[in-house]
Amino acid sequence: INHTNKWTDGRSRVAAKYRELLSDIDGIKLPTEMDYAKHVYHLFVIQVKGKDGEARTANRDRLQKHLGDNDIASGLHYPLPLHQQKCFAGLGYKYGDFPITEELAEQGLSLPMYPELTDEQLNYISEKVHAFFK
């Protein structure tokens, strides 16, 4: 627990740098931090906007492949909303009952997030994300 503040400060630095580097890309939505709260940035999940006429996951999946092809790990940490998981099947919810939750799950992509990421690494990640959206 002694390292918690140091780790949180490091991840906050990384998140601020991501915001600086990626805020000009129309194809993604960055996580927000409310004035009344302090985000710990356990993850940095961007929302990858889909293209008209495609499945909402298609563009996100292409970006993930592009990043992987460039040796950048990314993750799908919450690919299936709770109401669609087997353990909650007995509740009777179906696809479409929670459209915002479903959209977030289908468009979310976690970028690398750990306190030791260097500016050089963050610039490289940013360059590859920008290249994908050009």
C-alpha atoms as a PDB file:
ATOM      1  CA  ILE A   1       0.000   0.000   0.000  1.00  0.00           C
ATOM      2  CA  ASN A   2       3.015   2.298   0.450  1.00  0.00           C
ATOM      3  CA  HIS A   3       3.441   2.455  -3.325  1.00  0.00           C
ATOM      4  CA  THR A   4      -0.196   3.205  -4.157  1.00  0.00           C
ATOM      5  CA  ASN A   5       0.170   6.982  -4.390  1.00  0.00           C
ATOM      6  CA  LYS A   6       3.367   6.690  -6.436  1.00  0.00           C
ATOM      7  CA  TRP A   7       1.713   4.269  -8.868  1.00  0.00           C
ATOM      8  CA  THR A   8      -1.410   6.416  -9.133  1.00  0.00           C
ATOM      9  CA  ASP A   9       0.682   9.529  -9.777  1.00  0.00           C
ATOM     10  CA  GLY A  10       2.631   7.659 -12.466  1.00  0.00           C
ATOM     11  CA  ARG A  11      -0.515   6.402 -14.174  1.00  0.00           C
ATOM     12  CA  SER A  12      -2.033   9.898 -13.976  1.00  0.00           C
ATOM     13  CA  ARG A  13       1.061  11.237 -15.754  1.00  0.00           C
ATOM     14  CA  VAL A  14       0.634   8.597 -18.465  1.00  0.00           C
ATOM     15  CA  ALA A  15      -3.074   9.418 -18.830  1.00  0.00           C
ATOM     16  CA  ALA A  16      -2.324  13.142 -19.152  1.00  0.00           C
ATOM     17  CA  LYS A  17       0.250  12.395 -21.857  1.00  0.00           C
ATOM     18  CA  TYR A  18      -2.223  10.162 -23.720  1.00  0.00           C
ATOM     19  CA  ARG A  19      -4.757  13.015 -23.589  1.00  0.00           C
ATOM     20  CA  GLU A  20      -2.195  15.447 -24.940  1.00  0.00           C
ATOM     21  CA  LEU A  21      -1.148  13.108 -27.759  1.00  0.00           C
ATOM     22  CA  LEU A  22      -4.502  11.596 -28.771  1.00  0.00           C
ATOM     23  CA  SER A  23      -7.065  14.363 -28.210  1.00  0.00           C
ATOM     24  CA  ASP A  24      -7.013  15.428 -31.870  1.00  0.00           C
ATOM     25  CA  ILE A  25      -8.238  12.066 -33.221  1.00  0.00           C
ATOM     26  CA  ASP A  26     -11.913  12.188 -34.201  1.00  0.00           C
ATOM     27  CA  GLY A  27     -12.210   8.399 -34.338  1.00  0.00           C
ATOM     28  CA  ILE A  28     -11.756   7.840 -30.615  1.00  0.00           C
ATOM     29  CA  LYS A  29     -13.199   9.057 -27.345  1.00  0.00           C
ATOM     30  CA  LEU A  30     -10.838   9.349 -24.399  1.00  0.00           C
ATOM     31  CA  PRO A  31     -11.779   8.593 -20.794  1.00  0.00           C
ATOM     32  CA  THR A  32     -12.893  11.579 -18.770  1.00  0.00           C
ATOM     33  CA  GLU A  33     -12.041  12.600 -15.252  1.00  0.00           C
ATOM     34  CA  MET A  34     -14.617  14.529 -13.287  1.00  0.00           C
ATOM     35  CA  ASP A  35     -13.586  17.615 -11.302  1.00  0.00           C
ATOM     36  CA  TYR A  36     -14.960  16.119  -8.096  1.00  0.00           C
ATOM     37  CA  ALA A  37     -13.052  12.817  -8.348  1.00  0.00           C
ATOM     38  CA  LYS A  38      -9.536  11.509  -8.829  1.00  0.00           C
ATOM     39  CA  HIS A  39      -9.175   8.721 -11.376  1.00  0.00           C
ATOM     40  CA  VAL A  40      -6.593   6.047 -10.511  1.00  0.00           C
ATOM     41  CA  TYR A  41      -6.214   4.930 -14.165  1.00  0.00           C
ATOM     42  CA  HIS A  42      -5.989   1.239 -13.478  1.00  0.00           C
ATOM     43  CA  LEU A  43      -6.808   1.045 -17.198  1.00  0.00           C
ATOM     44  CA  PHE A  44      -6.879   3.617 -19.998  1.00  0.00           C
ATOM     45  CA  VAL A  45      -9.843   2.522 -22.106  1.00  0.00           C
ATOM     46  CA  ILE A  46     -10.553   4.466 -25.280  1.00  0.00           C
ATOM     47  CA  GLN A  47     -13.791   4.172 -27.218  1.00  0.00           C
ATOM     48  CA  VAL A  48     -13.102   3.439 -30.888  1.00  0.00           C
ATOM     49  CA  LYS A  49     -15.900   4.815 -33.010  1.00  0.00           C
ATOM     50  CA  GLY A  50     -17.279   2.459 -35.614  1.00  0.00           C
ATOM     51  CA  LYS A  51     -17.772   3.137 -39.295  1.00  0.00           C
ATOM     52  CA  ASP A  52     -21.244   3.364 -40.792  1.00  0.00           C
ATOM     53  CA  GLY A  53     -22.577   0.043 -41.994  1.00  0.00           C
ATOM     54  CA  GLU A  54     -20.094  -2.032 -39.987  1.00  0.00           C
ATOM     55  CA  ALA A  55     -20.370  -3.958 -36.770  1.00  0.00           C
ATOM     56  CA  ARG A  56     -19.472  -1.691 -33.860  1.00  0.00           C
ATOM     57  CA  THR A  57     -16.519  -3.933 -32.995  1.00  0.00           C
ATOM     58  CA  ALA A  58     -14.935  -3.899 -36.480  1.00  0.00           C
ATOM     59  CA  ASN A  59     -12.940  -0.670 -36.276  1.00  0.00           C
ATOM     60  CA  ARG A  60     -11.824  -1.387 -32.711  1.00  0.00           C
ATOM     61  CA  ASP A  61     -10.659  -4.856 -33.748  1.00  0.00           C
ATOM     62  CA  ARG A  62      -8.735  -3.423 -36.717  1.00  0.00           C
ATOM     63  CA  LEU A  63      -7.023  -0.885 -34.441  1.00  0.00           C
ATOM     64  CA  GLN A  64      -6.108  -3.647 -31.987  1.00  0.00           C
ATOM     65  CA  LYS A  65      -4.585  -5.693 -34.816  1.00  0.00           C
ATOM     66  CA  HIS A  66      -2.705  -2.634 -36.117  1.00  0.00           C
ATOM     67  CA  LEU A  67      -1.276  -1.986 -32.659  1.00  0.00           C
ATOM     68  CA  GLY A  68      -0.320  -5.647 -32.250  1.00  0.00           C
ATOM     69  CA  ASP A  69       1.375  -5.623 -35.657  1.00  0.00           C
ATOM     70  CA  ASN A  70       3.480  -2.765 -34.275  1.00  0.00           C
ATOM     71  CA  ASP A  71       4.364  -4.604 -31.038  1.00  0.00           C
ATOM     72  CA  ILE A  72       1.913  -2.633 -28.891  1.00  0.00           C
ATOM     73  CA  ALA A  73      -0.189  -4.690 -26.513  1.00  0.00           C
ATOM     74  CA  SER A  74      -3.800  -3.631 -26.033  1.00  0.00           C
ATOM     75  CA  GLY A  75      -6.699  -5.326 -24.349  1.00  0.00           C
ATOM     76  CA  LEU A  76     -10.417  -5.963 -24.340  1.00  0.00           C
ATOM     77  CA  HIS A  77     -10.993  -5.915 -20.613  1.00  0.00           C
ATOM     78  CA  TYR A  78     -14.790  -5.736 -20.655  1.00  0.00           C
ATOM     79  CA  PRO A  79     -15.882  -7.250 -23.982  1.00  0.00           C
ATOM     80  CA  LEU A  80     -19.163  -8.664 -22.700  1.00  0.00           C
ATOM     81  CA  PRO A  81     -21.641  -6.574 -20.683  1.00  0.00           C
ATOM     82  CA  LEU A  82     -22.794  -8.109 -17.402  1.00  0.00           C
ATOM     83  CA  HIS A  83     -26.356  -8.665 -18.608  1.00  0.00           C
ATOM     84  CA  GLN A  84     -25.038 -10.842 -21.455  1.00  0.00           C
ATOM     85  CA  GLN A  85     -22.876 -13.098 -19.291  1.00  0.00           C
ATOM     86  CA  LYS A  86     -24.051 -16.657 -18.593  1.00  0.00           C
ATOM     87  CA  CYS A  87     -24.070 -16.181 -14.845  1.00  0.00           C
ATOM     88  CA  PHE A  88     -26.774 -13.514 -15.232  1.00  0.00           C
ATOM     89  CA  ALA A  89     -28.868 -15.347 -17.848  1.00  0.00           C
ATOM     90  CA  GLY A  90     -31.543 -16.090 -15.266  1.00  0.00           C
ATOM     91  CA  LEU A  91     -32.333 -12.382 -14.991  1.00  0.00           C
ATOM     92  CA  GLY A  92     -33.902 -12.472 -18.445  1.00  0.00           C
ATOM     93  CA  TYR A  93     -32.091  -9.525 -20.008  1.00  0.00           C
ATOM     94  CA  LYS A  94     -31.380  -9.599 -23.719  1.00  0.00           C
ATOM     95  CA  TYR A  95     -29.210  -7.750 -26.195  1.00  0.00           C
ATOM     96  CA  GLY A  96     -30.659  -4.280 -26.625  1.00  0.00           C
ATOM     97  CA  ASP A  97     -31.865  -3.859 -23.042  1.00  0.00           C
ATOM     98  CA  PHE A  98     -28.809  -1.758 -22.140  1.00  0.00           C
ATOM     99  CA  PRO A  99     -27.695  -0.103 -25.402  1.00  0.00           C
ATOM    100  CA  ILE A 100     -25.157   2.283 -23.874  1.00  0.00           C
ATOM    101  CA  THR A 101     -23.475  -0.526 -21.942  1.00  0.00           C
ATOM    102  CA  GLU A 102     -23.398  -2.632 -25.105  1.00  0.00           C
ATOM    103  CA  GLU A 103     -21.884   0.200 -27.143  1.00  0.00           C
ATOM    104  CA  LEU A 104     -19.173   0.793 -24.547  1.00  0.00           C
ATOM    105  CA  ALA A 105     -18.313  -2.914 -24.446  1.00  0.00           C
ATOM    106  CA  GLU A 106     -18.192  -3.161 -28.234  1.00  0.00           C
ATOM    107  CA  GLN A 107     -16.010  -0.090 -28.734  1.00  0.00           C
ATOM    108  CA  GLY A 108     -13.685  -0.203 -25.713  1.00  0.00           C
ATOM    109  CA  LEU A 109      -9.976  -0.833 -26.171  1.00  0.00           C
ATOM    110  CA  SER A 110      -7.431  -0.620 -23.353  1.00  0.00           C
ATOM    111  CA  LEU A 111      -4.134   1.001 -24.263  1.00  0.00           C
ATOM    112  CA  PRO A 112      -0.947   0.148 -22.373  1.00  0.00           C
ATOM    113  CA  MET A 113      -1.155   1.665 -18.890  1.00  0.00           C
ATOM    114  CA  TYR A 114       1.507   1.379 -16.253  1.00  0.00           C
ATOM    115  CA  PRO A 115       3.444   4.036 -14.339  1.00  0.00           C
ATOM    116  CA  GLU A 116       6.802   3.260 -15.941  1.00  0.00           C
ATOM    117  CA  LEU A 117       5.736   4.048 -19.520  1.00  0.00           C
ATOM    118  CA  THR A 118       8.223   6.544 -20.933  1.00  0.00           C
ATOM    119  CA  ASP A 119       7.444   9.552 -23.100  1.00  0.00           C
ATOM    120  CA  GLU A 120       9.274   7.774 -25.923  1.00  0.00           C
ATOM    121  CA  GLN A 121       6.957   4.757 -25.609  1.00  0.00           C
ATOM    122  CA  LEU A 122       3.871   6.970 -25.362  1.00  0.00           C
ATOM    123  CA  ASN A 123       4.939   8.913 -28.459  1.00  0.00           C
ATOM    124  CA  TYR A 124       5.370   5.627 -30.347  1.00  0.00           C
ATOM    125  CA  ILE A 125       1.912   4.419 -29.311  1.00  0.00           C
ATOM    126  CA  SER A 126       0.441   7.777 -30.315  1.00  0.00           C
ATOM    127  CA  GLU A 127       2.154   7.693 -33.715  1.00  0.00           C
ATOM    128  CA  LYS A 128       0.706   4.255 -34.439  1.00  0.00           C
ATOM    129  CA  VAL A 129      -2.811   5.245 -33.338  1.00  0.00           C
ATOM    130  CA  HIS A 130      -2.612   8.382 -35.506  1.00  0.00           C
ATOM    131  CA  ALA A 131      -1.355   6.331 -38.464  1.00  0.00           C
ATOM    132  CA  PHE A 132      -4.352   4.004 -38.155  1.00  0.00           C
ATOM    133  CA  PHE A 133      -6.840   6.863 -38.377  1.00  0.00           C
ATOM    134  CA  LYS A 134      -5.187   8.593 -41.372  1.00  0.00           C
END
